[in-house]
Amino acid sequence: MKKLLSMFALVTMLGFGFTGNTYAEDAAPVAEAATAVAPAAEAAAAAVAPAATEVAPAAAPAPVPNKGDTAWMLMATVLVSLMVIPGLALFYGGLVRQKNMLSVLMQVFMIFSLMGVLWAIYGYSVAFTGGSPYFGGLSKAFLAGVTPDSLGATFSKGTYIPELVFVAFQLTFAAITPALIVGAFAERMKFSAILAFMVLWFTFAYLPLAHMVWYWDGPDAITDAASLETVVANAGWLWAKGALDFAGGTVVHINAGVAGLVGAIMVGKRIGYGKEAMTPHSLTLTMVGAALLWVGWFGFNAGSNLEANGYAALALVNTFIATGAATLSWTFSEWMLKSKPSMLGAVSGAVAGLVAITPACGFVGPMGAIVIGLLVSPICYFMVAKVKYVLGYDDALDVFGIHAIGGVFGALATGVFVNPALGGAGVVDYVANGVAAYDFGAQMTAQVYAVITAIVLSAVVSFIAFKIVDVLIGLRVSEEAEREGLDTSQHGERAYHN
């Protein structure tokens, strides 16, 4: 009898177990693999109330930066650093007289160092956090919250790079822009006054313009028309207007060029300007500097894409061919008008081409880039060879004539050649996830807004900053110090010992 009861109990248990497992599999076939490996206790619990059990949706995986994009952006950051030290320093240094060579090298080197520190303390936060359409906040002052794990958005949905990489890349932009200005008043301004001016100008001209042009919440914040309105409301003023500036035509070149013009006028002309020869002391070094600028500019422009993809390649190709076209254009213009092509003209054309293609490099097609390069050089050549002398200002190294004028032309040309009908890449519509319809009137209006804003902001801030520094420190060295040369009078050393 006991054996019979035991066999009956065993059969009953086997029957219930078989039935329970079958029911669970029918109710949730997607969990078959998990059920097969689940412990017996979990399987029994599922058998008790299978209908009440819901399979929890899998959590979205945390975004992981692409290592290829990260590696490219690290390299682009190094390339832009190469543009400044030694590229810009040697380019400017070769253009001044021998007695002022070290002063220019020192100015560029120190500005690069100073801006890097200010960028980490408050610059990054003011430029790239929310606050107002014109100025960011201080939520990331001292790089608070920026860690090796924090991420920065790119221009593609779901694609990120480490935020520290973005911080470093944008640091180099913040460092080179003020350094460009010193060429306008080279050979006559106090070193202490230059540093004081740069702090003021960086804070009240560069950072607000960078915020207005480049700050937005990123593509992943845009899913529909309503979310786009929110992103536009939170973005920088000129970004919300639809202004296009891929790598800094307004933020860097117009901004710096206008500041240079204001400085050249307020500091005054060099002693002997227009009466004494002030020819470059080493075009060899200037050519080396120009070549380093060109190579580094690939990081400047293609790196501004923030990703290693086809658009970075487009920016790189455009930087190649627009600069080549501008070099040819300037050289042949000078050859026709002065009967001889010069090395100084060739490198000036190259820089003009680099400046003009900067805002356009990721938006226009290669043929548009060639047209931009061919047209910008005659315009800049006319400014530095004719207009400067007619108006009588002493822009020593043609910062306004090349950077501001080239930047204005490039910004406006971007609005024209972004048109897909002219081979441009167009503007991304993040709601439709495609290319938006091109509207010439609306795009050019936005570009004009950006150009005028850059000119007015930089001019006003520069004037006030120079006035403050003049009152507190004084802008100009003494006549004796200027005649002696800034190398010895300001720094107590010489570049060359004969």
Protein backbone atom coordinates (compact mmCIF):
# COMPACT_ATOMS: atom_id res chain seq x y z
CA MET A 1 0.00 0.00 0.00
CA LYS A 2 2.79 2.38 0.90
CA LYS A 3 4.52 1.61 -2.37
CA LEU A 4 1.32 2.30 -4.27
CA LEU A 5 0.81 5.69 -2.57
CA SER A 6 4.40 6.64 -3.21
CA MET A 7 4.10 5.85 -6.91
CA PHE A 8 0.84 7.82 -7.12
CA ALA A 9 2.46 10.89 -5.51
CA LEU A 10 5.45 10.67 -7.84
CA VAL A 11 3.26 10.50 -10.95
CA THR A 12 1.17 13.44 -9.70
CA MET A 13 4.25 15.62 -9.08
CA LEU A 14 5.67 14.80 -12.48
CA GLY A 15 2.38 15.62 -14.12
CA PHE A 16 2.05 19.03 -12.46
CA GLY A 17 5.65 19.89 -13.23
CA PHE A 18 5.23 18.99 -16.90
CA THR A 19 2.01 20.96 -17.20
CA GLY A 20 3.45 24.06 -15.49
CA ASN A 21 6.49 24.22 -17.72
CA THR A 22 4.43 23.92 -20.86
CA TYR A 23 2.08 26.70 -19.80
CA ALA A 24 4.93 29.05 -18.98
CA GLU A 25 6.57 28.47 -22.35
CA ASP A 26 3.30 29.14 -24.18
CA ALA A 27 2.70 32.35 -22.25
CA ALA A 28 6.17 33.84 -22.78
CA PRO A 29 8.03 32.30 -25.72
CA VAL A 30 10.49 35.22 -25.81
CA ALA A 31 11.80 34.10 -22.42
CA GLU A 32 12.48 30.54 -23.50
CA ALA A 33 16.26 30.74 -23.21
CA ALA A 34 16.07 32.42 -19.83
CA THR A 35 13.56 29.86 -18.55
CA ALA A 36 15.79 26.99 -19.59
CA VAL A 37 18.62 28.22 -17.40
CA ALA A 38 16.51 29.57 -14.54
CA PRO A 39 16.85 27.87 -11.16
CA ALA A 40 14.11 25.42 -10.22
CA ALA A 41 12.73 27.77 -7.56
CA GLU A 42 12.22 30.55 -10.13
CA ALA A 43 10.55 28.13 -12.55
CA ALA A 44 8.17 27.00 -9.80
CA ALA A 45 7.32 30.59 -8.90
CA ALA A 46 6.60 31.37 -12.55
CA ALA A 47 4.32 28.33 -12.70
CA VAL A 48 2.14 29.58 -9.85
CA ALA A 49 0.95 32.79 -11.55
CA PRO A 50 2.28 32.94 -15.09
CA ALA A 51 -0.36 35.36 -16.32
CA ALA A 52 0.68 38.01 -13.83
CA THR A 53 4.33 37.96 -14.85
CA GLU A 54 5.49 40.71 -17.26
CA VAL A 55 8.85 40.64 -18.99
CA ALA A 56 10.56 43.93 -18.08
CA PRO A 57 11.83 45.87 -21.10
CA ALA A 58 15.60 45.91 -21.43
CA ALA A 59 17.21 49.17 -20.34
CA ALA A 60 18.77 51.21 -23.13
CA PRO A 61 22.52 50.72 -23.12
CA ALA A 62 24.55 53.72 -22.01
CA PRO A 63 26.19 55.50 -24.97
CA VAL A 64 29.83 54.64 -25.46
CA PRO A 65 32.21 57.00 -27.28
CA ASN A 66 33.50 55.68 -30.58
CA LYS A 67 37.23 55.07 -30.28
CA GLY A 68 37.86 56.11 -33.86
CA ASP A 69 36.14 59.47 -33.37
CA THR A 70 37.97 59.95 -30.09
CA ALA A 71 41.37 59.19 -31.62
CA TRP A 72 40.69 61.57 -34.51
CA MET A 73 39.65 64.39 -32.19
CA LEU A 74 42.75 63.94 -30.04
CA MET A 75 44.87 64.25 -33.17
CA ALA A 76 42.88 67.27 -34.40
CA THR A 77 43.50 68.97 -31.07
CA VAL A 78 47.24 68.45 -31.44
CA LEU A 79 47.10 69.80 -35.01
CA VAL A 80 45.39 73.01 -33.91
CA SER A 81 47.98 73.43 -31.16
CA LEU A 82 50.60 73.11 -33.89
CA MET A 83 48.95 76.01 -35.70
CA VAL A 84 49.65 78.32 -32.76
CA ILE A 85 52.95 77.13 -31.39
CA PRO A 86 55.01 77.15 -33.49
CA GLY A 87 52.92 77.90 -36.63
CA LEU A 88 51.42 81.32 -35.94
CA ALA A 89 54.41 82.37 -33.82
CA LEU A 90 56.88 81.73 -36.66
CA PHE A 91 54.55 83.18 -39.30
CA TYR A 92 54.25 86.46 -37.40
CA GLY A 93 57.84 86.39 -36.15
CA GLY A 94 59.28 86.27 -39.66
CA LEU A 95 57.14 89.21 -40.75
CA VAL A 96 58.41 91.68 -38.14
CA ARG A 97 61.81 93.33 -38.00
CA GLN A 98 64.68 91.43 -36.46
CA LYS A 99 64.68 93.49 -33.26
CA ASN A 100 61.09 92.43 -32.50
CA MET A 101 61.23 88.73 -33.36
CA LEU A 102 61.29 87.37 -29.80
CA SER A 103 58.59 89.78 -28.64
CA VAL A 104 56.11 88.26 -31.09
CA LEU A 105 57.11 84.71 -30.20
CA MET A 106 56.70 85.56 -26.52
CA GLN A 107 53.30 87.18 -27.03
CA VAL A 108 51.88 84.21 -28.92
CA PHE A 109 53.38 81.67 -26.52
CA MET A 110 52.09 83.43 -23.42
CA ILE A 111 48.62 84.06 -24.84
CA PHE A 112 48.34 80.38 -25.73
CA SER A 113 49.26 79.47 -22.14
CA LEU A 114 47.04 82.10 -20.51
CA MET A 115 43.95 81.26 -22.53
CA GLY A 116 44.29 77.57 -21.75
CA VAL A 117 44.16 78.26 -18.01
CA LEU A 118 41.24 80.71 -18.32
CA TRP A 119 39.37 78.21 -20.50
CA ALA A 120 39.54 75.59 -17.77
CA ILE A 121 38.62 78.00 -14.97
CA TYR A 122 35.55 79.60 -16.54
CA GLY A 123 35.81 79.84 -20.33
CA TYR A 124 34.42 76.43 -21.21
CA SER A 125 31.48 76.87 -18.87
CA VAL A 126 30.58 80.32 -20.16
CA ALA A 127 30.78 79.23 -23.80
CA PHE A 128 29.21 75.77 -23.66
CA THR A 129 26.59 75.65 -20.95
CA GLY A 130 23.06 76.99 -20.95
CA GLY A 131 22.22 80.32 -19.44
CA SER A 132 20.96 82.85 -21.91
CA PRO A 133 21.08 83.17 -25.72
CA TYR A 134 24.13 85.41 -25.35
CA PHE A 135 26.18 84.06 -22.47
CA GLY A 136 26.49 80.69 -20.77
CA GLY A 137 26.57 79.99 -17.06
CA LEU A 138 29.12 78.88 -14.48
CA SER A 139 27.77 75.38 -13.80
CA LYS A 140 30.99 73.89 -15.19
CA ALA A 141 33.41 76.47 -13.84
CA PHE A 142 36.71 74.85 -12.88
CA LEU A 143 35.48 71.98 -15.10
CA ALA A 144 33.07 70.87 -12.39
CA GLY A 145 31.37 67.65 -13.38
CA VAL A 146 33.64 67.07 -16.36
CA THR A 147 35.18 63.63 -15.88
CA PRO A 148 36.71 60.92 -18.07
CA ASP A 149 33.24 59.34 -18.16
CA SER A 150 31.22 62.42 -19.12
CA LEU A 151 30.22 62.68 -22.78
CA GLY A 152 29.91 65.44 -25.34
CA ALA A 153 27.45 65.38 -28.23
CA THR A 154 28.52 65.45 -31.87
CA PHE A 155 26.40 66.19 -34.95
CA SER A 156 25.02 62.66 -35.34
CA LYS A 157 22.31 61.17 -33.17
CA GLY A 158 23.60 58.57 -30.76
CA THR A 159 27.25 59.49 -31.36
CA TYR A 160 29.40 60.93 -28.58
CA ILE A 161 32.99 61.74 -27.73
CA PRO A 162 34.48 62.16 -24.24
CA GLU A 163 33.67 65.62 -22.97
CA LEU A 164 37.30 66.19 -22.00
CA VAL A 165 38.27 65.77 -25.65
CA PHE A 166 35.74 68.44 -26.63
CA VAL A 167 37.07 70.69 -23.85
CA ALA A 168 40.63 70.33 -25.14
CA PHE A 169 39.68 70.84 -28.79
CA GLN A 170 37.73 74.01 -28.08
CA LEU A 171 40.55 75.21 -25.82
CA THR A 172 42.83 75.45 -28.83
CA PHE A 173 40.29 77.68 -30.62
CA ALA A 174 40.04 79.92 -27.58
CA ALA A 175 43.84 80.12 -27.49
CA ILE A 176 44.56 80.90 -31.15
CA THR A 177 41.90 83.58 -31.58
CA PRO A 178 43.39 86.18 -29.19
CA ALA A 179 46.87 85.31 -30.47
CA LEU A 180 45.84 86.34 -33.98
CA ILE A 181 45.14 89.88 -32.77
CA VAL A 182 48.72 90.74 -31.80
CA GLY A 183 49.81 90.95 -35.43
CA ALA A 184 47.84 94.16 -35.87
CA PHE A 185 49.79 96.18 -33.28
CA ALA A 186 53.08 94.28 -33.41
CA GLU A 187 56.34 96.08 -32.59
CA ARG A 188 54.92 98.83 -30.35
CA MET A 189 52.61 97.63 -27.53
CA LYS A 190 53.57 96.86 -23.93
CA PHE A 191 53.69 93.19 -23.07
CA SER A 192 51.78 93.72 -19.82
CA ALA A 193 49.10 95.69 -21.66
CA ILE A 194 48.69 92.91 -24.22
CA LEU A 195 48.08 90.30 -21.54
CA ALA A 196 45.60 92.50 -19.66
CA PHE A 197 43.70 93.29 -22.85
CA MET A 198 43.51 89.62 -23.82
CA VAL A 199 41.87 88.65 -20.53
CA LEU A 200 39.15 91.27 -21.02
CA TRP A 201 38.61 90.54 -24.70
CA PHE A 202 38.53 86.77 -24.20
CA THR A 203 35.91 87.14 -21.46
CA PHE A 204 33.58 89.65 -23.07
CA ALA A 205 34.06 89.13 -26.82
CA TYR A 206 35.25 85.59 -27.56
CA LEU A 207 33.18 83.64 -25.03
CA PRO A 208 29.81 85.31 -25.77
CA LEU A 209 30.25 84.95 -29.53
CA ALA A 210 31.29 81.30 -29.22
CA HIS A 211 28.17 80.70 -27.13
CA MET A 212 25.89 82.53 -29.55
CA VAL A 213 27.18 80.67 -32.62
CA TRP A 214 27.96 77.16 -31.38
CA TYR A 215 25.93 76.32 -28.27
CA TRP A 216 22.97 73.93 -28.55
CA ASP A 217 21.68 70.84 -26.75
CA GLY A 218 22.85 68.36 -29.40
CA PRO A 219 21.01 66.23 -31.96
CA ASP A 220 19.64 63.65 -29.56
CA ALA A 221 17.54 66.36 -27.93
CA ILE A 222 15.57 66.72 -31.19
CA THR A 223 12.92 64.10 -31.84
CA ASP A 224 10.01 66.12 -33.18
CA ALA A 225 8.92 69.68 -33.93
CA ALA A 226 8.13 70.43 -30.29
CA SER A 227 11.53 69.28 -29.03
CA LEU A 228 13.20 71.30 -31.80
CA GLU A 229 11.47 74.41 -30.49
CA THR A 230 12.86 73.66 -27.03
CA VAL A 231 16.39 73.20 -28.40
CA VAL A 232 16.15 76.47 -30.35
CA ALA A 233 14.91 78.29 -27.26
CA ASN A 234 17.89 77.02 -25.24
CA ALA A 235 20.51 77.58 -27.94
CA GLY A 236 22.86 80.46 -28.61
CA TRP A 237 21.26 83.44 -30.32
CA LEU A 238 22.94 83.06 -33.71
CA TRP A 239 22.57 79.27 -33.73
CA ALA A 240 18.85 79.78 -33.21
CA LYS A 241 18.82 82.23 -36.11
CA GLY A 242 20.21 79.49 -38.35
CA ALA A 243 23.66 81.04 -38.89
CA LEU A 244 26.23 78.58 -40.26
CA ASP A 245 29.82 78.69 -39.07
CA PHE A 246 31.47 75.29 -39.32
CA ALA A 247 34.84 76.13 -37.78
CA GLY A 248 35.04 79.80 -36.80
CA GLY A 249 34.67 82.36 -39.58
CA THR A 250 32.76 84.65 -37.24
CA VAL A 251 33.89 83.40 -33.83
CA VAL A 252 37.59 83.36 -34.69
CA HIS A 253 38.46 85.41 -37.75
CA ILE A 254 36.01 88.31 -37.90
CA ASN A 255 36.19 88.57 -34.12
CA ALA A 256 40.00 88.74 -34.05
CA GLY A 257 40.34 90.85 -37.20
CA VAL A 258 38.05 93.61 -35.95
CA ALA A 259 39.81 93.65 -32.58
CA GLY A 260 43.10 93.99 -34.43
CA LEU A 261 41.85 97.00 -36.38
CA VAL A 262 40.63 98.73 -33.21
CA GLY A 263 43.97 98.02 -31.56
CA ALA A 264 46.02 99.27 -34.50
CA ILE A 265 44.10 102.56 -34.47
CA MET A 266 44.11 103.06 -30.69
CA VAL A 267 47.75 102.10 -30.16
CA GLY A 268 48.80 104.22 -33.12
CA LYS A 269 51.25 103.81 -35.96
CA ARG A 270 54.78 102.54 -35.56
CA ILE A 271 57.47 105.17 -35.47
CA GLY A 272 58.61 105.76 -39.04
CA TYR A 273 55.60 104.05 -40.59
CA GLY A 274 55.34 105.12 -44.21
CA LYS A 275 58.79 106.72 -44.09
CA GLU A 276 61.13 103.87 -43.14
CA ALA A 277 61.42 100.38 -44.59
CA MET A 278 59.66 97.85 -42.38
CA THR A 279 60.15 94.74 -44.46
CA PRO A 280 59.94 91.23 -42.97
CA HIS A 281 63.23 90.09 -41.54
CA SER A 282 62.81 86.39 -42.47
CA LEU A 283 60.37 85.23 -45.12
CA THR A 284 61.95 81.82 -44.68
CA LEU A 285 60.49 81.55 -41.18
CA THR A 286 57.24 83.05 -42.38
CA MET A 287 56.91 80.35 -45.03
CA VAL A 288 57.65 77.65 -42.44
CA GLY A 289 55.01 79.17 -40.19
CA ALA A 290 52.49 79.35 -43.04
CA ALA A 291 53.09 75.70 -43.88
CA LEU A 292 52.52 74.70 -40.26
CA LEU A 293 49.35 76.79 -40.25
CA TRP A 294 48.07 75.01 -43.35
CA VAL A 295 48.81 71.55 -41.96
CA GLY A 296 47.34 72.42 -38.56
CA TRP A 297 44.26 73.89 -40.23
CA PHE A 298 43.22 70.39 -41.27
CA GLY A 299 42.65 69.70 -37.59
CA PHE A 300 40.96 73.07 -37.17
CA ASN A 301 38.44 72.53 -39.96
CA ALA A 302 38.02 68.76 -40.26
CA GLY A 303 38.18 68.38 -36.49
CA SER A 304 35.22 70.74 -36.14
CA ASN A 305 33.08 67.92 -37.50
CA LEU A 306 33.72 66.13 -34.16
CA GLU A 307 33.53 62.74 -35.91
CA ALA A 308 35.77 60.78 -38.27
CA ASN A 309 33.36 60.39 -41.17
CA GLY A 310 32.60 61.68 -44.66
CA TYR A 311 31.89 65.21 -43.52
CA ALA A 312 35.31 65.40 -41.88
CA ALA A 313 36.75 64.25 -45.20
CA LEU A 314 34.74 66.92 -47.01
CA ALA A 315 36.10 69.61 -44.68
CA LEU A 316 39.64 68.33 -45.17
CA VAL A 317 39.39 68.26 -48.98
CA ASN A 318 37.85 71.73 -49.05
CA THR A 319 40.66 73.03 -46.86
CA PHE A 320 43.18 71.62 -49.32
CA ILE A 321 41.71 72.99 -52.51
CA ALA A 322 40.30 76.33 -51.34
CA THR A 323 43.71 77.23 -49.91
CA GLY A 324 45.47 76.14 -53.08
CA ALA A 325 43.07 78.20 -55.21
CA ALA A 326 43.56 81.25 -53.00
CA THR A 327 47.36 80.90 -53.17
CA LEU A 328 47.21 80.81 -56.95
CA SER A 329 44.75 83.67 -57.11
CA TRP A 330 46.82 86.00 -54.91
CA THR A 331 50.07 85.09 -56.65
CA PHE A 332 48.74 85.71 -60.16
CA SER A 333 47.02 88.94 -59.08
CA GLU A 334 50.28 90.22 -57.66
CA TRP A 335 52.20 88.99 -60.71
CA MET A 336 49.91 90.93 -63.02
CA LEU A 337 49.92 94.13 -60.95
CA LYS A 338 53.54 94.19 -59.73
CA SER A 339 55.23 92.17 -62.48
CA LYS A 340 56.77 89.73 -59.97
CA PRO A 341 55.19 87.00 -57.81
CA SER A 342 56.43 87.04 -54.21
CA MET A 343 56.73 84.50 -51.42
CA LEU A 344 54.98 86.97 -49.13
CA GLY A 345 52.07 87.13 -51.55
CA ALA A 346 51.82 83.34 -51.81
CA VAL A 347 51.63 82.80 -48.05
CA SER A 348 49.22 85.72 -47.66
CA GLY A 349 46.96 84.10 -50.25
CA ALA A 350 47.17 80.76 -48.47
CA VAL A 351 46.07 82.30 -45.17
CA ALA A 352 43.26 84.21 -46.89
CA GLY A 353 42.02 80.95 -48.38
CA LEU A 354 42.22 79.15 -45.05
CA VAL A 355 40.27 81.94 -43.40
CA ALA A 356 37.53 82.05 -46.05
CA ILE A 357 36.94 78.30 -46.17
CA THR A 358 36.80 77.98 -42.37
CA PRO A 359 33.08 78.76 -41.93
CA ALA A 360 32.18 76.87 -45.11
CA CYS A 361 34.39 73.78 -45.07
CA GLY A 362 31.79 71.27 -43.92
CA PHE A 363 28.86 72.82 -45.76
CA VAL A 364 30.01 73.48 -49.33
CA GLY A 365 31.09 71.15 -52.09
CA PRO A 366 34.63 71.00 -53.50
CA MET A 367 33.81 73.18 -56.50
CA GLY A 368 32.26 75.77 -54.22
CA ALA A 369 35.45 75.68 -52.15
CA ILE A 370 37.55 76.41 -55.23
CA VAL A 371 35.36 79.37 -56.13
CA ILE A 372 35.64 80.72 -52.56
CA GLY A 373 39.43 80.41 -52.70
CA LEU A 374 39.72 82.08 -56.10
CA LEU A 375 37.56 85.04 -55.09
CA VAL A 376 38.81 85.78 -51.58
CA SER A 377 42.42 86.58 -52.50
CA PRO A 378 41.77 89.53 -54.84
CA ILE A 379 39.44 91.02 -52.21
CA CYS A 380 41.99 90.69 -49.40
CA TYR A 381 44.83 91.80 -51.68
CA PHE A 382 42.93 95.00 -52.48
CA MET A 383 42.37 95.64 -48.76
CA VAL A 384 46.01 95.24 -47.73
CA ALA A 385 47.62 96.81 -50.81
CA LYS A 386 45.26 99.75 -51.36
CA VAL A 387 42.60 100.40 -48.74
CA LYS A 388 44.95 100.22 -45.74
CA TYR A 389 47.17 102.96 -47.15
CA VAL A 390 44.27 105.12 -48.25
CA LEU A 391 42.72 105.01 -44.78
CA GLY A 392 46.10 105.38 -43.08
CA TYR A 393 45.91 102.79 -40.29
CA ASP A 394 48.95 100.67 -39.39
CA ASP A 395 47.75 97.07 -39.29
CA ALA A 396 51.30 95.74 -39.11
CA LEU A 397 50.66 92.14 -40.21
CA ASP A 398 47.31 92.64 -41.98
CA VAL A 399 45.12 90.97 -39.39
CA PHE A 400 42.07 93.02 -40.38
CA GLY A 401 42.70 92.88 -44.12
CA ILE A 402 43.01 89.09 -44.21
CA HIS A 403 41.22 87.66 -41.18
CA ALA A 404 38.28 90.05 -40.84
CA ILE A 405 37.69 90.65 -44.55
CA GLY A 406 38.35 87.03 -45.47
CA GLY A 407 36.09 85.93 -42.64
CA VAL A 408 33.25 88.19 -43.78
CA PHE A 409 33.52 86.93 -47.34
CA GLY A 410 33.69 83.30 -46.19
CA ALA A 411 30.68 83.64 -43.90
CA LEU A 412 28.55 85.15 -46.67
CA ALA A 413 29.81 82.67 -49.28
CA THR A 414 28.82 79.83 -46.94
CA GLY A 415 25.21 80.95 -47.21
CA VAL A 416 25.41 80.73 -50.99
CA PHE A 417 27.37 77.54 -51.60
CA VAL A 418 25.69 75.43 -48.91
CA ASN A 419 22.90 75.11 -51.47
CA PRO A 420 22.72 71.45 -52.61
CA ALA A 421 21.93 72.71 -56.13
CA LEU A 422 25.44 74.21 -56.16
CA GLY A 423 27.05 71.07 -54.81
CA GLY A 424 26.69 71.98 -51.14
CA ALA A 425 25.93 69.51 -48.38
CA GLY A 426 22.88 71.42 -47.23
CA VAL A 427 21.67 71.82 -43.66
CA VAL A 428 20.53 68.83 -41.60
CA ASP A 429 16.88 68.63 -40.57
CA TYR A 430 17.03 66.69 -37.30
CA VAL A 431 13.26 66.24 -37.16
CA ALA A 432 12.99 64.59 -40.58
CA ASN A 433 16.52 63.16 -40.27
CA GLY A 434 17.44 64.40 -43.72
CA VAL A 435 18.59 67.51 -45.57
CA ALA A 436 16.36 70.54 -45.13
CA ALA A 437 15.03 72.55 -48.06
CA TYR A 438 17.38 75.40 -48.98
CA ASP A 439 16.04 78.96 -48.60
CA PHE A 440 18.46 81.55 -49.98
CA GLY A 441 16.79 84.54 -48.36
CA ALA A 442 16.52 83.01 -44.92
CA GLN A 443 20.05 81.61 -44.97
CA MET A 444 21.68 84.82 -46.14
CA THR A 445 19.74 86.79 -43.55
CA ALA A 446 21.11 84.53 -40.85
CA GLN A 447 24.65 84.90 -42.21
CA VAL A 448 24.37 88.69 -42.27
CA TYR A 449 23.11 88.64 -38.68
CA ALA A 450 26.19 86.65 -37.67
CA VAL A 451 28.63 88.92 -39.51
CA ILE A 452 27.16 92.12 -38.11
CA THR A 453 26.98 90.70 -34.59
CA ALA A 454 30.63 89.65 -34.70
CA ILE A 455 31.76 93.04 -36.00
CA VAL A 456 29.78 95.10 -33.50
CA LEU A 457 30.52 92.94 -30.47
CA SER A 458 34.24 92.75 -31.13
CA ALA A 459 34.55 96.47 -31.95
CA VAL A 460 32.71 97.63 -28.84
CA VAL A 461 34.42 95.23 -26.43
CA SER A 462 37.84 95.94 -27.94
CA PHE A 463 37.41 99.71 -27.67
CA ILE A 464 36.33 99.53 -24.03
CA ALA A 465 39.05 97.00 -23.13
CA PHE A 466 41.80 99.06 -24.75
CA LYS A 467 40.56 102.16 -22.92
CA ILE A 468 40.60 100.37 -19.57
CA VAL A 469 44.09 99.00 -20.14
CA ASP A 470 45.34 102.39 -21.34
CA VAL A 471 44.13 104.03 -18.13
CA LEU A 472 45.51 101.35 -15.83
CA ILE A 473 48.76 100.37 -17.57
CA GLY A 474 49.27 102.37 -20.75
CA LEU A 475 49.19 100.78 -24.17
CA ARG A 476 52.40 101.80 -25.84
CA VAL A 477 56.08 101.48 -25.05
CA SER A 478 58.22 104.60 -25.01
CA GLU A 479 59.74 105.93 -28.22
CA GLU A 480 63.18 104.91 -26.99
CA ALA A 481 62.04 101.36 -26.24
CA GLU A 482 60.35 101.06 -29.63
CA ARG A 483 63.43 102.22 -31.50
CA GLU A 484 65.62 99.85 -29.51
CA GLY A 485 63.27 96.96 -30.24
CA LEU A 486 60.89 95.09 -27.98
CA ASP A 487 63.15 92.06 -27.72
CA THR A 488 65.62 93.88 -25.51
CA SER A 489 63.45 96.67 -24.07
CA GLN A 490 60.59 94.36 -22.99
CA HIS A 491 62.27 90.98 -22.56
CA GLY A 492 65.98 91.61 -22.14
CA GLU A 493 67.14 89.19 -24.81
CA ARG A 494 67.71 88.91 -28.53
CA ALA A 495 66.62 86.43 -31.17
CA TYR A 496 69.94 86.60 -33.00
CA HIS A 497 73.52 87.27 -31.95
CA ASN A 498 75.81 88.40 -34.76
